[in-house]
PDB file of N, CA and C in Angstrom:
ATOM      1  N   MET A   1      61.296 150.144 173.638  1.00  0.00           N
ATOM      2  CA  MET A   1      61.876 150.344 172.289  1.00  0.00           C
ATOM      3  C   MET A   1      61.014 150.984 171.600  1.00  0.00           C
ATOM      4  N   THR A   2      61.689 151.929 170.581  1.00  0.00           N
ATOM      5  CA  THR A   2      60.959 152.691 169.461  1.00  0.00           C
ATOM      6  C   THR A   2      60.720 152.102 168.497  1.00  0.00           C
ATOM      7  N   ARG A   3      60.046 152.464 167.598  1.00  0.00           N
ATOM      8  CA  ARG A   3      60.081 152.127 166.065  1.00  0.00           C
ATOM      9  C   ARG A   3      59.934 153.222 165.165  1.00  0.00           C
ATOM     10  N   ALA A   4      60.779 153.013 164.142  1.00  0.00           N
ATOM     11  CA  ALA A   4      60.796 154.156 163.014  1.00  0.00           C
ATOM     12  C   ALA A   4      59.499 154.210 162.468  1.00  0.00           C
ATOM     13  N   LYS A   5      58.842 155.434 162.169  1.00  0.00           N
ATOM     14  CA  LYS A   5      57.428 155.535 161.725  1.00  0.00           C
ATOM     15  C   LYS A   5      57.697 155.319 160.064  1.00  0.00           C
ATOM     16  N   GLN A   6      58.750 155.364 159.467  1.00  0.00           N
ATOM     17  CA  GLN A   6      58.921 155.407 158.085  1.00  0.00           C
ATOM     18  C   GLN A   6      59.685 154.285 157.661  1.00  0.00           C
ATOM     19  N   VAL A   7      59.798 153.572 156.805  1.00  0.00           N
ATOM     20  CA  VAL A   7      60.368 152.642 156.313  1.00  0.00           C
ATOM     21  C   VAL A   7      61.081 153.461 155.002  1.00  0.00           C
ATOM     22  N   PHE A   8      62.431 153.212 154.941  1.00  0.00           N
ATOM     23  CA  PHE A   8      63.482 153.451 153.417  1.00  0.00           C
ATOM     24  C   PHE A   8      63.292 152.437 152.513  1.00  0.00           C
ATOM     25  N   GLU A   9      62.656 152.969 151.464  1.00  0.00           N
ATOM     26  CA  GLU A   9      62.754 151.831 150.338  1.00  0.00           C
ATOM     27  C   GLU A   9      63.380 152.810 149.124  1.00  0.00           C
ATOM     28  N   PRO A  10      64.699 151.961 148.508  1.00  0.00           N
ATOM     29  CA  PRO A  10      65.475 152.936 147.586  1.00  0.00           C
ATOM     30  C   PRO A  10      64.297 152.934 146.109  1.00  0.00           C
ATOM     31  N   ASP A  11      64.860 154.151 145.617  1.00  0.00           N
ATOM     32  CA  ASP A  11      64.149 154.413 144.350  1.00  0.00           C
ATOM     33  C   ASP A  11      64.524 153.410 143.398  1.00  0.00           C
ATOM     34  N   PRO A  12      63.771 152.532 142.856  1.00  0.00           N
ATOM     35  CA  PRO A  12      64.234 151.309 141.869  1.00  0.00           C
ATOM     36  C   PRO A  12      64.823 152.216 140.455  1.00  0.00           C
ATOM     37  N   ASN A  13      64.453 153.244 140.249  1.00  0.00           N
ATOM     38  CA  ASN A  13      64.997 154.068 138.882  1.00  0.00           C
ATOM     39  C   ASN A  13      66.449 154.370 139.223  1.00  0.00           C
ATOM     40  N   MET A  14      66.836 154.562 140.647  1.00  0.00           N
ATOM     41  CA  MET A  14      68.210 154.842 140.931  1.00  0.00           C
ATOM     42  C   MET A  14      69.282 153.501 141.234  1.00  0.00           C
ATOM     43  N   LEU A  15      68.602 152.361 140.965  1.00  0.00           N
ATOM     44  CA  LEU A  15      69.447 151.255 141.175  1.00  0.00           C
ATOM     45  C   LEU A  15      71.034 151.313 140.654  1.00  0.00           C
ATOM     46  N   GLY A  16      70.837 151.767 139.176  1.00  0.00           N
ATOM     47  CA  GLY A  16      72.165 151.778 138.277  1.00  0.00           C
ATOM     48  C   GLY A  16      73.002 152.562 139.020  1.00  0.00           C
ATOM     49  N   HIS A  17      72.617 154.041 139.621  1.00  0.00           N
ATOM     50  CA  HIS A  17      73.409 154.962 140.100  1.00  0.00           C
ATOM     51  C   HIS A  17      73.840 154.457 141.724  1.00  0.00           C
ATOM     52  N   TYR A  18      73.168 153.882 142.224  1.00  0.00           N
ATOM     53  CA  TYR A  18      73.577 153.190 143.736  1.00  0.00           C
ATOM     54  C   TYR A  18      74.413 152.283 143.517  1.00  0.00           C
ATOM     55  N   ARG A  19      74.253 151.362 142.480  1.00  0.00           N
ATOM     56  CA  ARG A  19      75.208 150.342 142.307  1.00  0.00           C
ATOM     57  C   ARG A  19      76.700 150.924 142.186  1.00  0.00           C
ATOM     58  N   ALA A  20      76.725 152.041 140.960  1.00  0.00           N
ATOM     59  CA  ALA A  20      78.072 152.491 140.608  1.00  0.00           C
ATOM     60  C   ALA A  20      78.634 153.087 141.983  1.00  0.00           C
ATOM     61  N   ARG A  21      78.025 153.895 142.774  1.00  0.00           N
ATOM     62  CA  ARG A  21      78.578 154.518 143.958  1.00  0.00           C
ATOM     63  C   ARG A  21      79.068 153.325 144.858  1.00  0.00           C
ATOM     64  N   TYR A  22      78.210 152.214 145.323  1.00  0.00           N
ATOM     65  CA  TYR A  22      78.782 151.349 145.869  1.00  0.00           C
ATOM     66  C   TYR A  22      80.087 150.671 145.519  1.00  0.00           C
ATOM     67  N   GLU A  23      80.171 150.358 144.186  1.00  0.00           N
ATOM     68  CA  GLU A  23      81.380 149.904 143.405  1.00  0.00           C
ATOM     69  C   GLU A  23      82.603 150.930 143.683  1.00  0.00           C
ATOM     70  N   THR A  24      82.269 152.093 143.442  1.00  0.00           N
ATOM     71  CA  THR A  24      83.418 153.277 143.904  1.00  0.00           C
ATOM     72  C   THR A  24      83.769 152.903 145.301  1.00  0.00           C
ATOM     73  N   TYR A  25      82.708 152.805 146.366  1.00  0.00           N
ATOM     74  CA  TYR A  25      83.354 152.678 147.669  1.00  0.00           C
ATOM     75  C   TYR A  25      83.986 151.389 147.737  1.00  0.00           C
ATOM     76  N   LEU A  26      83.711 150.209 147.228  1.00  0.00           N
ATOM     77  CA  LEU A  26      84.485 148.915 147.209  1.00  0.00           C
ATOM     78  C   LEU A  26      85.916 149.341 147.004  1.00  0.00           C
ATOM     79  N   ASP A  27      85.985 149.748 145.724  1.00  0.00           N
ATOM     80  CA  ASP A  27      87.362 150.280 145.130  1.00  0.00           C
ATOM     81  C   ASP A  27      88.162 150.761 145.957  1.00  0.00           C
ATOM     82  N   LEU A  28      87.381 151.938 146.704  1.00  0.00           N
ATOM     83  CA  LEU A  28      88.432 152.685 147.628  1.00  0.00           C
ATOM     84  C   LEU A  28      88.761 151.871 148.667  1.00  0.00           C
ATOM     85  N   ILE A  29      88.048 151.166 149.313  1.00  0.00           N
ATOM     86  CA  ILE A  29      88.272 150.253 150.284  1.00  0.00           C
ATOM     87  C   ILE A  29      89.582 149.343 150.148  1.00  0.00           C
ATOM     88  N   GLY A  30      89.475 148.828 148.764  1.00  0.00           N
ATOM     89  CA  GLY A  30      90.564 147.904 148.122  1.00  0.00           C
ATOM     90  C   GLY A  30      91.743 148.659 148.185  1.00  0.00           C
ATOM     91  N   ALA A  31      91.799 149.967 147.589  1.00  0.00           N
ATOM     92  CA  ALA A  31      92.911 150.720 147.564  1.00  0.00           C
ATOM     93  C   ALA A  31      93.550 151.063 148.800  1.00  0.00           C
ATOM     94  N   MET A  32      92.818 151.330 149.771  1.00  0.00           N
ATOM     95  CA  MET A  32      93.157 151.861 151.040  1.00  0.00           C
ATOM     96  C   MET A  32      93.636 150.510 152.063  1.00  0.00           C
ATOM     97  N   ARG A  33      93.461 149.375 151.815  1.00  0.00           N
ATOM     98  CA  ARG A  33      93.479 148.175 152.480  1.00  0.00           C
ATOM     99  C   ARG A  33      94.843 148.122 152.961  1.00  0.00           C
ATOM    100  N   ASP A  34      95.846 148.229 151.997  1.00  0.00           N
ATOM    101  CA  ASP A  34      97.537 148.234 152.236  1.00  0.00           C
ATOM    102  C   ASP A  34      97.914 149.320 153.047  1.00  0.00           C
ATOM    103  N   PHE A  35      97.148 150.444 152.969  1.00  0.00           N
ATOM    104  CA  PHE A  35      97.529 151.577 153.633  1.00  0.00           C
ATOM    105  C   PHE A  35      97.227 151.490 155.165  1.00  0.00           C
ATOM    106  N   TRP A  36      95.802 151.024 155.487  1.00  0.00           N
ATOM    107  CA  TRP A  36      95.508 150.536 156.703  1.00  0.00           C
ATOM    108  C   TRP A  36      96.324 149.714 157.456  1.00  0.00           C
ATOM    109  N   SER A  37      96.638 148.603 156.704  1.00  0.00           N
ATOM    110  CA  SER A  37      97.480 147.506 157.471  1.00  0.00           C
ATOM    111  C   SER A  37      98.793 147.966 157.700  1.00  0.00           C
ATOM    112  N   ARG A  38      99.331 148.838 156.861  1.00  0.00           N
ATOM    113  CA  ARG A  38     100.759 149.459 157.193  1.00  0.00           C
ATOM    114  C   ARG A  38     100.457 150.352 158.468  1.00  0.00           C
ATOM    115  N   ALA A  39      99.506 151.276 158.367  1.00  0.00           N
ATOM    116  CA  ALA A  39      99.281 152.170 159.771  1.00  0.00           C
ATOM    117  C   ALA A  39      99.373 151.337 161.096  1.00  0.00           C
ATOM    118  N   GLU A  40      98.290 150.163 160.895  1.00  0.00           N
ATOM    119  CA  GLU A  40      98.194 149.285 162.237  1.00  0.00           C
ATOM    120  C   GLU A  40      99.505 148.536 162.480  1.00  0.00           C
ATOM    121  N   MET A  41     100.254 148.468 161.580  1.00  0.00           N
ATOM    122  CA  MET A  41     101.663 147.558 162.103  1.00  0.00           C
ATOM    123  C   MET A  41     102.410 148.758 162.768  1.00  0.00           C
ATOM    124  N   ARG A  42     102.326 149.948 162.136  1.00  0.00           N
ATOM    125  CA  ARG A  42     103.289 151.059 162.763  1.00  0.00           C
ATOM    126  C   ARG A  42     102.788 151.351 164.294  1.00  0.00           C
ATOM    127  N   LYS A  43     101.413 151.130 164.606  1.00  0.00           N
ATOM    128  CA  LYS A  43     100.985 151.399 165.901  1.00  0.00           C
ATOM    129  C   LYS A  43     101.398 150.447 166.609  1.00  0.00           C
ATOM    130  N   THR A  44     101.679 148.856 166.346  1.00  0.00           N
ATOM    131  CA  THR A  44     102.077 147.902 167.389  1.00  0.00           C
ATOM    132  C   THR A  44     103.791 148.000 167.652  1.00  0.00           C
ATOM    133  N   VAL A  45     104.298 148.331 166.382  1.00  0.00           N
ATOM    134  CA  VAL A  45     105.805 148.682 166.392  1.00  0.00           C
ATOM    135  C   VAL A  45     106.368 149.603 167.463  1.00  0.00           C
ATOM    136  N   SER A  46     105.571 150.727 167.548  1.00  0.00           N
ATOM    137  CA  SER A  46     106.064 152.013 168.149  1.00  0.00           C
ATOM    138  C   SER A  46     105.588 151.861 169.651  1.00  0.00           C
TER     139      SER A  46
END
């Protein structure tokens, strides 16, 4: 097994930015959830 030589540590000064981007990502998932379920339903029906 190999190990990464570096560890990623987020910049603490950017936490507000990261939080806002993650909230946008979660909002997009919520908005697309209905669409994805309808697309899945179409796959099983056809």
